[in-house]
Amino acid sequence: MNGSGTTAEQEVPAANPSGGLFPGCRWIGLLCPGLGHILAGRILDGSGFLSLLGVCVWALWGGAQGYAQFEPLGSPKFSAHPWIALGALILWPCLLWWRAIAFALRGGRDIRLQKKQEGVSQWTLIRRRFVRNRAGVLGGYLVLVLILLALITPMITPYNPLLIDVGGQLSAPGWRHLMGTDEFRRDIFSRVMYGARISLAIGFIAVSISATLGTAIGAISGYFGGLVDQALMWVTDLLLSLPRLVLLLAIIGFFRAAGAQSLFLIVVVLGLTGWMGVARIVRSQVLSLKEQAFIQAARGMGLPTRILLLRHLIPNCLAPVIVYGSLAIGSTILVEASLSFLGLGVPPPTPTWGNIVNDGREYLRSAWWITMFPGGMIVFAVMSFNLLGDGLRDAMDPKTRQTGGG
């Protein structure tokens, strides 16, 4: 740590400073993003770029069904979903080509391998550590593929997920129905893709609520201490002592009995029952930070408590919160799927991965595809977010990798 508050870190020099198998190969990436990375030896990054570009090409090539859904603003049939998909199909290729241009302009050099630099910010060092973690980078690309698929769903699904009688009942996977149909003759592929939008949205929004609430409670508890700290931590410990799934079943069952059935209810309940872990993490960070010299100096200058918390303490606690969020999204998707499987999740006919699995449990022997494909997507999503979270954790706290993180 140098005097300016930044860190200097010795990196290994690039083994291949020219960044390529032959001179100028990096410029090939301008023709096809990802190909230049592969020729320069960046196989993982190149494969990730090509996968994202391939999804976009697939949507453009087979998006006739999606193009028919465009309606002008103000039309009775107007839906924002096709326009969001179109925006994603324009934005994502632009981002890929922008990164390919940046890679070519810096000479194909690997940003993971840099010389020792003074005055490098902590976030820059975290980024460098992360891109050296192959598992974390793989998880990041898998998450990006999931998000892209969710955004462009109207362009890649051949049928309306709620449409009944589009084919044979319980049809096996084939060219017409890639993942088969269910007992109501609904296309499983369309339902799984639309279910990805709901499941991912639930995960992101619920974790955002949990992280925001937990950060606020943890910061207040750690900063003020005393009775405030004792009261907040007592509530936190009480909620942590209760099995979350049992708590969720009780809360959702209560509201369902009162007639409340909505996606909003599931998101809010998941968000309000997942903040305890991050609150304890932030509290421990604040207890350590508030004794540091820069916080004491800010206090001596007479800065209000609100400014101290929002501008000095909470920003310095964000690293573990980011790690928590990336790991919690996968677990939240899994919890939502469990609730839907038990019949207390998102109410039908809205498709989510969990309730599609629930729909197929009576046909496990005769129509295995109803449960296998959404179940596989749940495993894929949870694995992707866990890989990403593990990579972020190792990048933000390298000691965990050295002492016990593998």
Protein backbone atom coordinates (compact mmCIF):
# COMPACT_ATOMS: atom_id res chain seq x y z
CA MET A 1 0.00 0.00 0.00
CA ASN A 2 1.56 3.29 -1.04
CA GLY A 3 0.98 6.78 0.34
CA SER A 4 -1.84 7.60 -2.05
CA GLY A 5 -3.93 4.71 -0.81
CA THR A 6 -3.34 2.57 -3.86
CA THR A 7 -1.52 -0.69 -4.16
CA ALA A 8 1.42 -1.78 -6.25
CA GLU A 9 1.51 -5.41 -7.30
CA GLN A 10 4.22 -7.33 -9.15
CA GLU A 11 2.76 -9.18 -12.11
CA VAL A 12 4.48 -11.78 -14.29
CA PRO A 13 5.55 -10.33 -17.65
CA ALA A 14 3.64 -11.51 -20.67
CA ALA A 15 5.00 -14.75 -22.06
CA ASN A 16 3.94 -13.72 -25.55
CA PRO A 17 4.16 -9.92 -25.74
CA SER A 18 3.13 -9.81 -29.39
CA GLY A 19 -0.06 -11.60 -28.45
CA GLY A 20 -0.39 -13.76 -31.52
CA LEU A 21 0.50 -16.86 -33.47
CA PHE A 22 1.60 -14.64 -36.38
CA PRO A 23 1.93 -10.85 -36.86
CA GLY A 24 -1.38 -9.06 -37.27
CA CYS A 25 -3.56 -12.00 -36.24
CA ARG A 26 -5.22 -9.83 -33.62
CA TRP A 27 -6.83 -7.76 -36.40
CA ILE A 28 -8.80 -10.80 -37.54
CA GLY A 29 -10.99 -10.18 -34.50
CA LEU A 30 -12.36 -7.11 -36.28
CA LEU A 31 -13.96 -9.45 -38.82
CA CYS A 32 -15.27 -11.88 -36.21
CA PRO A 33 -15.07 -10.94 -32.50
CA GLY A 34 -13.41 -13.75 -30.60
CA LEU A 35 -11.42 -15.21 -33.47
CA GLY A 36 -8.55 -12.79 -32.87
CA HIS A 37 -8.48 -13.79 -29.19
CA ILE A 38 -8.27 -17.48 -30.11
CA LEU A 39 -5.43 -16.92 -32.58
CA ALA A 40 -3.65 -14.86 -29.92
CA GLY A 41 -3.87 -17.76 -27.47
CA ARG A 42 -6.83 -16.42 -25.45
CA ILE A 43 -8.97 -19.53 -26.01
CA LEU A 44 -11.42 -18.94 -23.15
CA ASP A 45 -12.11 -15.30 -24.03
CA GLY A 46 -12.39 -16.11 -27.71
CA SER A 47 -14.84 -18.94 -27.05
CA GLY A 48 -16.92 -16.64 -24.86
CA PHE A 49 -17.05 -13.94 -27.53
CA LEU A 50 -17.96 -16.45 -30.25
CA SER A 51 -20.70 -17.96 -28.06
CA LEU A 52 -22.31 -14.57 -27.47
CA LEU A 53 -22.02 -13.66 -31.14
CA GLY A 54 -23.46 -17.04 -32.13
CA VAL A 55 -26.53 -16.48 -29.95
CA CYS A 56 -27.09 -13.11 -31.66
CA VAL A 57 -26.74 -14.66 -35.13
CA TRP A 58 -29.15 -17.44 -34.15
CA ALA A 59 -31.73 -14.87 -33.06
CA LEU A 60 -31.36 -12.81 -36.25
CA TRP A 61 -31.53 -15.90 -38.47
CA GLY A 62 -34.52 -17.53 -36.80
CA GLY A 63 -36.35 -14.51 -35.42
CA ALA A 64 -39.25 -14.35 -37.86
CA GLN A 65 -41.68 -15.16 -35.06
CA GLY A 66 -40.26 -12.30 -33.00
CA TYR A 67 -40.43 -9.77 -35.84
CA ALA A 68 -44.17 -10.37 -36.13
CA GLN A 69 -44.66 -9.29 -32.51
CA PHE A 70 -43.58 -5.66 -33.01
CA GLU A 71 -46.41 -3.23 -32.37
CA PRO A 72 -46.18 0.59 -32.21
CA LEU A 73 -46.44 2.41 -28.90
CA GLY A 74 -50.09 3.01 -28.06
CA SER A 75 -51.32 -0.07 -29.88
CA PRO A 76 -53.67 -2.33 -27.86
CA LYS A 77 -51.30 -5.24 -28.58
CA PHE A 78 -48.13 -3.30 -27.72
CA SER A 79 -45.52 -5.28 -25.80
CA ALA A 80 -42.10 -4.04 -24.71
CA HIS A 81 -40.54 -7.53 -24.87
CA PRO A 82 -39.82 -7.60 -28.64
CA TRP A 83 -38.36 -4.10 -28.50
CA ILE A 84 -36.10 -5.09 -25.59
CA ALA A 85 -34.95 -8.10 -27.60
CA LEU A 86 -34.23 -5.91 -30.63
CA GLY A 87 -32.26 -3.48 -28.46
CA ALA A 88 -30.21 -6.35 -27.06
CA LEU A 89 -29.49 -7.66 -30.56
CA ILE A 90 -28.15 -4.23 -31.53
CA LEU A 91 -26.23 -3.51 -28.32
CA TRP A 92 -24.48 -6.84 -27.71
CA PRO A 93 -22.74 -7.18 -31.10
CA CYS A 94 -21.62 -3.54 -30.78
CA LEU A 95 -20.08 -4.32 -27.39
CA LEU A 96 -18.34 -7.40 -28.79
CA TRP A 97 -16.84 -5.47 -31.70
CA TRP A 98 -15.80 -2.66 -29.35
CA ARG A 99 -13.90 -5.14 -27.18
CA ALA A 100 -12.36 -6.72 -30.31
CA ILE A 101 -11.17 -3.28 -31.47
CA ALA A 102 -9.72 -2.52 -28.02
CA PHE A 103 -7.90 -5.87 -28.05
CA ALA A 104 -6.42 -5.15 -31.48
CA LEU A 105 -5.36 -1.60 -30.60
CA ARG A 106 -3.42 -2.67 -27.53
CA GLY A 107 -1.44 -5.07 -29.69
CA GLY A 108 -3.11 -8.26 -28.52
CA ARG A 109 -1.32 -8.05 -25.19
CA ASP A 110 -2.94 -9.89 -22.32
CA ILE A 111 -4.14 -7.40 -19.70
CA ARG A 112 -3.83 -10.18 -17.16
CA LEU A 113 -0.04 -10.00 -17.42
CA GLN A 114 1.33 -6.52 -16.75
CA LYS A 115 4.52 -5.04 -15.46
CA LYS A 116 4.76 -3.62 -11.97
CA GLN A 117 2.89 -0.32 -11.82
CA GLU A 118 2.79 2.25 -9.06
CA GLY A 119 -0.44 4.03 -8.26
CA VAL A 120 -2.74 1.29 -9.54
CA SER A 121 -6.16 1.39 -7.89
CA GLN A 122 -7.45 -1.48 -5.81
CA TRP A 123 -10.32 -2.11 -8.23
CA THR A 124 -7.85 -2.39 -11.13
CA LEU A 125 -5.90 -5.02 -9.21
CA ILE A 126 -9.13 -6.88 -8.44
CA ARG A 127 -9.98 -6.89 -12.14
CA ARG A 128 -6.55 -8.25 -13.04
CA ARG A 129 -6.80 -11.02 -10.45
CA PHE A 130 -10.26 -11.94 -11.67
CA VAL A 131 -9.33 -12.27 -15.35
CA ARG A 132 -6.50 -14.62 -14.32
CA ASN A 133 -9.06 -16.93 -12.70
CA ARG A 134 -10.20 -19.22 -15.52
CA ALA A 135 -13.12 -20.69 -13.58
CA GLY A 136 -14.39 -17.23 -12.66
CA VAL A 137 -14.08 -15.95 -16.23
CA LEU A 138 -15.89 -19.06 -17.51
CA GLY A 139 -18.69 -18.43 -15.03
CA GLY A 140 -18.88 -14.81 -16.17
CA TYR A 141 -19.29 -15.78 -19.82
CA LEU A 142 -21.91 -18.41 -18.94
CA VAL A 143 -23.86 -15.79 -16.97
CA LEU A 144 -23.65 -13.38 -19.92
CA VAL A 145 -25.00 -16.09 -22.24
CA LEU A 146 -27.90 -16.70 -19.86
CA ILE A 147 -28.71 -12.99 -19.65
CA LEU A 148 -28.53 -12.60 -23.43
CA LEU A 149 -30.83 -15.60 -23.97
CA ALA A 150 -33.31 -14.14 -21.49
CA LEU A 151 -33.27 -10.74 -23.24
CA ILE A 152 -33.78 -12.08 -26.77
CA THR A 153 -36.32 -14.77 -25.87
CA PRO A 154 -39.08 -13.39 -28.17
CA MET A 155 -36.69 -13.72 -31.12
CA ILE A 156 -35.67 -17.35 -30.56
CA THR A 157 -38.86 -19.01 -29.31
CA PRO A 158 -41.08 -20.43 -32.08
CA TYR A 159 -44.29 -20.50 -30.02
CA ASN A 160 -46.16 -18.55 -27.40
CA PRO A 161 -45.33 -20.25 -24.06
CA LEU A 162 -48.99 -20.07 -23.00
CA LEU A 163 -50.40 -21.28 -26.32
CA ILE A 164 -52.24 -24.60 -26.08
CA ASP A 165 -52.64 -27.20 -28.84
CA VAL A 166 -49.59 -26.38 -30.97
CA GLY A 167 -48.71 -30.03 -31.48
CA GLY A 168 -49.17 -33.49 -30.12
CA GLN A 169 -49.69 -34.08 -26.43
CA LEU A 170 -46.48 -35.11 -24.61
CA SER A 171 -44.53 -35.12 -27.88
CA ALA A 172 -40.89 -36.16 -27.56
CA PRO A 173 -38.13 -33.69 -28.51
CA GLY A 174 -37.78 -33.26 -32.27
CA TRP A 175 -37.19 -30.68 -34.99
CA ARG A 176 -40.61 -29.09 -34.54
CA HIS A 177 -40.38 -29.01 -30.74
CA LEU A 178 -36.75 -29.00 -29.64
CA MET A 179 -37.63 -29.93 -26.06
CA GLY A 180 -40.96 -31.64 -26.69
CA THR A 181 -44.40 -30.64 -25.43
CA ASP A 182 -46.25 -31.04 -22.16
CA GLU A 183 -49.66 -32.46 -21.30
CA PHE A 184 -51.35 -29.26 -22.53
CA ARG A 185 -49.45 -29.43 -25.86
CA ARG A 186 -47.37 -26.37 -24.94
CA ASP A 187 -43.86 -26.09 -26.37
CA ILE A 188 -41.32 -26.82 -23.60
CA PHE A 189 -38.48 -24.92 -25.30
CA SER A 190 -40.54 -21.72 -25.43
CA ARG A 191 -41.61 -22.15 -21.81
CA VAL A 192 -38.05 -22.81 -20.62
CA MET A 193 -36.72 -19.72 -22.42
CA TYR A 194 -39.49 -17.49 -21.09
CA GLY A 195 -39.01 -19.11 -17.70
CA ALA A 196 -35.37 -17.99 -17.80
CA ARG A 197 -36.52 -14.37 -17.90
CA ILE A 198 -38.71 -14.81 -14.84
CA SER A 199 -36.24 -16.90 -12.83
CA LEU A 200 -33.28 -14.60 -13.55
CA ALA A 201 -35.35 -11.49 -12.85
CA ILE A 202 -36.46 -12.94 -9.52
CA GLY A 203 -32.85 -13.76 -8.65
CA PHE A 204 -31.46 -10.33 -9.54
CA ILE A 205 -34.25 -8.26 -7.96
CA ALA A 206 -34.52 -10.33 -4.77
CA VAL A 207 -30.74 -10.26 -4.23
CA SER A 208 -30.69 -6.51 -4.88
CA ILE A 209 -33.29 -6.05 -2.15
CA SER A 210 -31.38 -8.33 0.22
CA ALA A 211 -28.03 -6.66 -0.46
CA THR A 212 -29.41 -3.14 -0.06
CA LEU A 213 -31.29 -3.94 3.14
CA GLY A 214 -28.45 -5.98 4.61
CA THR A 215 -25.86 -3.30 3.81
CA ALA A 216 -27.97 -0.60 5.46
CA ILE A 217 -28.69 -2.65 8.58
CA GLY A 218 -25.11 -3.86 8.91
CA ALA A 219 -23.65 -0.36 8.47
CA ILE A 220 -26.02 1.17 11.03
CA SER A 221 -25.41 -1.63 13.50
CA GLY A 222 -21.64 -1.49 13.20
CA TYR A 223 -21.36 2.28 13.25
CA PHE A 224 -23.64 3.13 16.18
CA GLY A 225 -22.98 0.05 18.33
CA GLY A 226 -24.50 -0.17 21.81
CA LEU A 227 -28.19 -0.93 22.10
CA VAL A 228 -28.77 -0.34 18.40
CA ASP A 229 -26.18 -2.98 17.54
CA GLN A 230 -27.52 -5.45 20.09
CA ALA A 231 -31.14 -5.06 18.93
CA LEU A 232 -30.35 -5.38 15.22
CA MET A 233 -28.04 -8.35 15.72
CA TRP A 234 -30.61 -10.06 17.95
CA VAL A 235 -33.16 -9.85 15.13
CA THR A 236 -30.53 -11.01 12.63
CA ASP A 237 -29.53 -14.02 14.74
CA LEU A 238 -33.18 -14.91 15.32
CA LEU A 239 -33.92 -14.98 11.59
CA LEU A 240 -30.71 -16.88 10.86
CA SER A 241 -31.72 -19.55 13.36
CA LEU A 242 -34.87 -20.31 11.34
CA PRO A 243 -34.61 -22.54 8.24
CA ARG A 244 -35.17 -20.21 5.32
CA LEU A 245 -37.36 -22.56 3.31
CA VAL A 246 -39.65 -23.15 6.29
CA LEU A 247 -39.82 -19.39 6.90
CA LEU A 248 -40.68 -18.78 3.25
CA LEU A 249 -43.37 -21.45 3.24
CA ALA A 250 -44.98 -19.92 6.33
CA ILE A 251 -44.92 -16.34 5.00
CA ILE A 252 -46.08 -17.16 1.47
CA GLY A 253 -48.71 -19.58 2.77
CA PHE A 254 -50.08 -16.82 5.02
CA PHE A 255 -50.37 -14.33 2.16
CA ARG A 256 -51.80 -16.95 -0.19
CA ALA A 257 -54.47 -17.74 2.38
CA ALA A 258 -55.33 -14.04 2.38
CA GLY A 259 -55.76 -14.14 -1.40
CA ALA A 260 -52.43 -12.59 -2.46
CA GLN A 261 -50.95 -14.38 -5.49
CA SER A 262 -48.42 -12.50 -7.57
CA LEU A 263 -44.86 -12.50 -8.82
CA PHE A 264 -44.24 -9.35 -6.77
CA LEU A 265 -45.03 -11.25 -3.56
CA ILE A 266 -42.41 -13.92 -4.31
CA VAL A 267 -39.72 -11.36 -5.12
CA VAL A 268 -40.35 -9.27 -2.00
CA VAL A 269 -40.49 -12.25 0.35
CA LEU A 270 -37.27 -13.70 -1.08
CA GLY A 271 -35.60 -10.31 -0.74
CA LEU A 272 -36.77 -9.70 2.82
CA THR A 273 -35.60 -13.11 4.04
CA GLY A 274 -32.09 -13.08 2.59
CA TRP A 275 -30.43 -9.98 4.04
CA MET A 276 -29.07 -11.43 7.30
CA GLY A 277 -25.80 -12.82 5.97
CA VAL A 278 -24.76 -9.63 4.22
CA ALA A 279 -25.74 -7.59 7.30
CA ARG A 280 -23.29 -9.52 9.44
CA ILE A 281 -20.55 -9.16 6.82
CA VAL A 282 -21.02 -5.39 6.49
CA ARG A 283 -21.23 -4.94 10.27
CA SER A 284 -17.86 -6.63 10.76
CA GLN A 285 -16.34 -4.46 8.02
CA VAL A 286 -17.72 -1.26 9.55
CA LEU A 287 -16.51 -2.19 13.04
CA SER A 288 -13.00 -2.41 11.61
CA LEU A 289 -13.17 0.61 9.32
CA LYS A 290 -14.61 3.10 11.80
CA GLU A 291 -11.42 2.90 13.88
CA GLN A 292 -9.20 3.73 10.92
CA ALA A 293 -7.43 7.08 10.65
CA PHE A 294 -9.35 8.39 7.64
CA ILE A 295 -12.70 7.85 9.38
CA GLN A 296 -11.43 9.48 12.57
CA ALA A 297 -10.20 12.43 10.51
CA ALA A 298 -13.59 12.73 8.79
CA ARG A 299 -15.27 12.72 12.19
CA GLY A 300 -12.88 15.42 13.40
CA MET A 301 -13.87 17.58 10.43
CA GLY A 302 -17.46 17.40 11.63
CA LEU A 303 -18.90 15.43 8.71
CA PRO A 304 -22.50 14.30 9.34
CA THR A 305 -23.15 10.64 10.06
CA ARG A 306 -25.05 10.25 6.79
CA ILE A 307 -22.02 11.43 4.80
CA LEU A 308 -19.67 9.20 6.77
CA LEU A 309 -21.81 6.15 6.08
CA LEU A 310 -22.68 6.80 2.43
CA ARG A 311 -19.37 8.20 1.17
CA HIS A 312 -16.71 6.62 3.34
CA LEU A 313 -17.84 3.46 5.13
CA ILE A 314 -20.30 1.73 2.80
CA PRO A 315 -18.18 2.16 -0.39
CA ASN A 316 -15.29 0.44 1.39
CA CYS A 317 -17.57 -2.49 2.29
CA LEU A 318 -18.82 -3.18 -1.24
CA ALA A 319 -16.31 -5.87 -2.21
CA PRO A 320 -17.77 -8.63 0.04
CA VAL A 321 -21.30 -7.46 -0.84
CA ILE A 322 -20.57 -7.97 -4.55
CA VAL A 323 -19.26 -11.46 -3.83
CA TYR A 324 -22.35 -12.21 -1.74
CA GLY A 325 -24.64 -10.99 -4.51
CA SER A 326 -23.05 -13.12 -7.23
CA LEU A 327 -23.28 -16.24 -5.08
CA ALA A 328 -26.75 -15.45 -3.74
CA ILE A 329 -28.36 -15.10 -7.17
CA GLY A 330 -27.81 -18.79 -7.89
CA SER A 331 -29.13 -19.88 -4.50
CA THR A 332 -32.16 -17.56 -4.86
CA ILE A 333 -33.01 -19.11 -8.23
CA LEU A 334 -32.79 -22.52 -6.58
CA VAL A 335 -35.03 -21.44 -3.68
CA GLU A 336 -37.61 -20.00 -6.10
CA ALA A 337 -37.55 -23.26 -8.04
CA SER A 338 -38.12 -25.18 -4.80
CA LEU A 339 -41.10 -22.98 -3.93
CA SER A 340 -42.57 -23.39 -7.42
CA PHE A 341 -42.06 -27.15 -7.26
CA LEU A 342 -44.02 -27.16 -3.98
CA GLY A 343 -46.79 -25.10 -5.57
CA LEU A 344 -46.07 -21.90 -3.62
CA GLY A 345 -43.95 -20.08 -6.17
CA VAL A 346 -44.95 -17.98 -9.16
CA PRO A 347 -48.60 -18.81 -9.91
CA PRO A 348 -49.40 -20.49 -13.26
CA PRO A 349 -49.65 -20.07 -16.16
CA THR A 350 -46.54 -17.84 -15.92
CA PRO A 351 -43.63 -20.18 -16.71
CA THR A 352 -40.63 -20.48 -14.41
CA TRP A 353 -38.12 -23.28 -14.29
CA GLY A 354 -39.51 -24.47 -10.97
CA ASN A 355 -43.16 -24.72 -11.95
CA ILE A 356 -42.26 -26.40 -15.27
CA VAL A 357 -40.46 -29.09 -13.25
CA ASN A 358 -43.55 -29.30 -11.05
CA ASP A 359 -45.76 -29.74 -14.12
CA GLY A 360 -43.73 -32.73 -15.25
CA ARG A 361 -43.35 -34.65 -12.00
CA GLU A 362 -46.37 -36.84 -12.83
CA TYR A 363 -44.78 -37.81 -16.16
CA LEU A 364 -41.23 -38.63 -15.07
CA ARG A 365 -41.31 -42.04 -16.79
CA SER A 366 -43.40 -41.30 -19.85
CA ALA A 367 -42.29 -37.70 -20.59
CA TRP A 368 -38.93 -37.18 -18.90
CA TRP A 369 -38.15 -34.11 -21.04
CA ILE A 370 -40.66 -31.93 -19.17
CA THR A 371 -38.55 -32.04 -16.02
CA MET A 372 -35.08 -32.68 -17.45
CA PHE A 373 -34.67 -29.53 -19.55
CA PRO A 374 -35.80 -26.94 -16.96
CA GLY A 375 -33.95 -28.90 -14.28
CA GLY A 376 -30.82 -28.77 -16.42
CA MET A 377 -31.21 -25.00 -16.81
CA ILE A 378 -31.46 -24.61 -13.03
CA VAL A 379 -28.23 -26.57 -12.58
CA PHE A 380 -26.56 -24.58 -15.36
CA ALA A 381 -27.58 -21.22 -13.88
CA VAL A 382 -26.58 -22.10 -10.30
CA MET A 383 -23.23 -23.49 -11.47
CA SER A 384 -22.54 -20.37 -13.57
CA PHE A 385 -23.24 -17.93 -10.75
CA ASN A 386 -21.24 -20.02 -8.29
CA LEU A 387 -18.22 -20.06 -10.61
CA LEU A 388 -18.52 -16.30 -11.05
CA GLY A 389 -18.90 -15.74 -7.31
CA ASP A 390 -15.91 -17.93 -6.47
CA GLY A 391 -13.80 -16.03 -8.99
CA LEU A 392 -14.83 -12.67 -7.55
CA ARG A 393 -14.15 -13.89 -4.01
CA ASP A 394 -10.63 -15.01 -4.91
CA ALA A 395 -9.97 -11.74 -6.75
CA MET A 396 -11.16 -9.54 -3.89
CA ASP A 397 -9.52 -11.59 -1.15
CA PRO A 398 -6.53 -13.55 -2.51
CA LYS A 399 -5.78 -14.88 1.00
CA THR A 400 -8.79 -17.21 0.77
CA ARG A 401 -7.25 -18.93 -2.25
CA GLN A 402 -3.87 -19.23 -0.53
CA THR A 403 -5.09 -20.43 2.87
CA GLY A 404 -8.12 -22.53 2.12
CA GLY A 405 -9.92 -21.46 -0.95
CA GLY A 406 -8.11 -23.97 -3.16
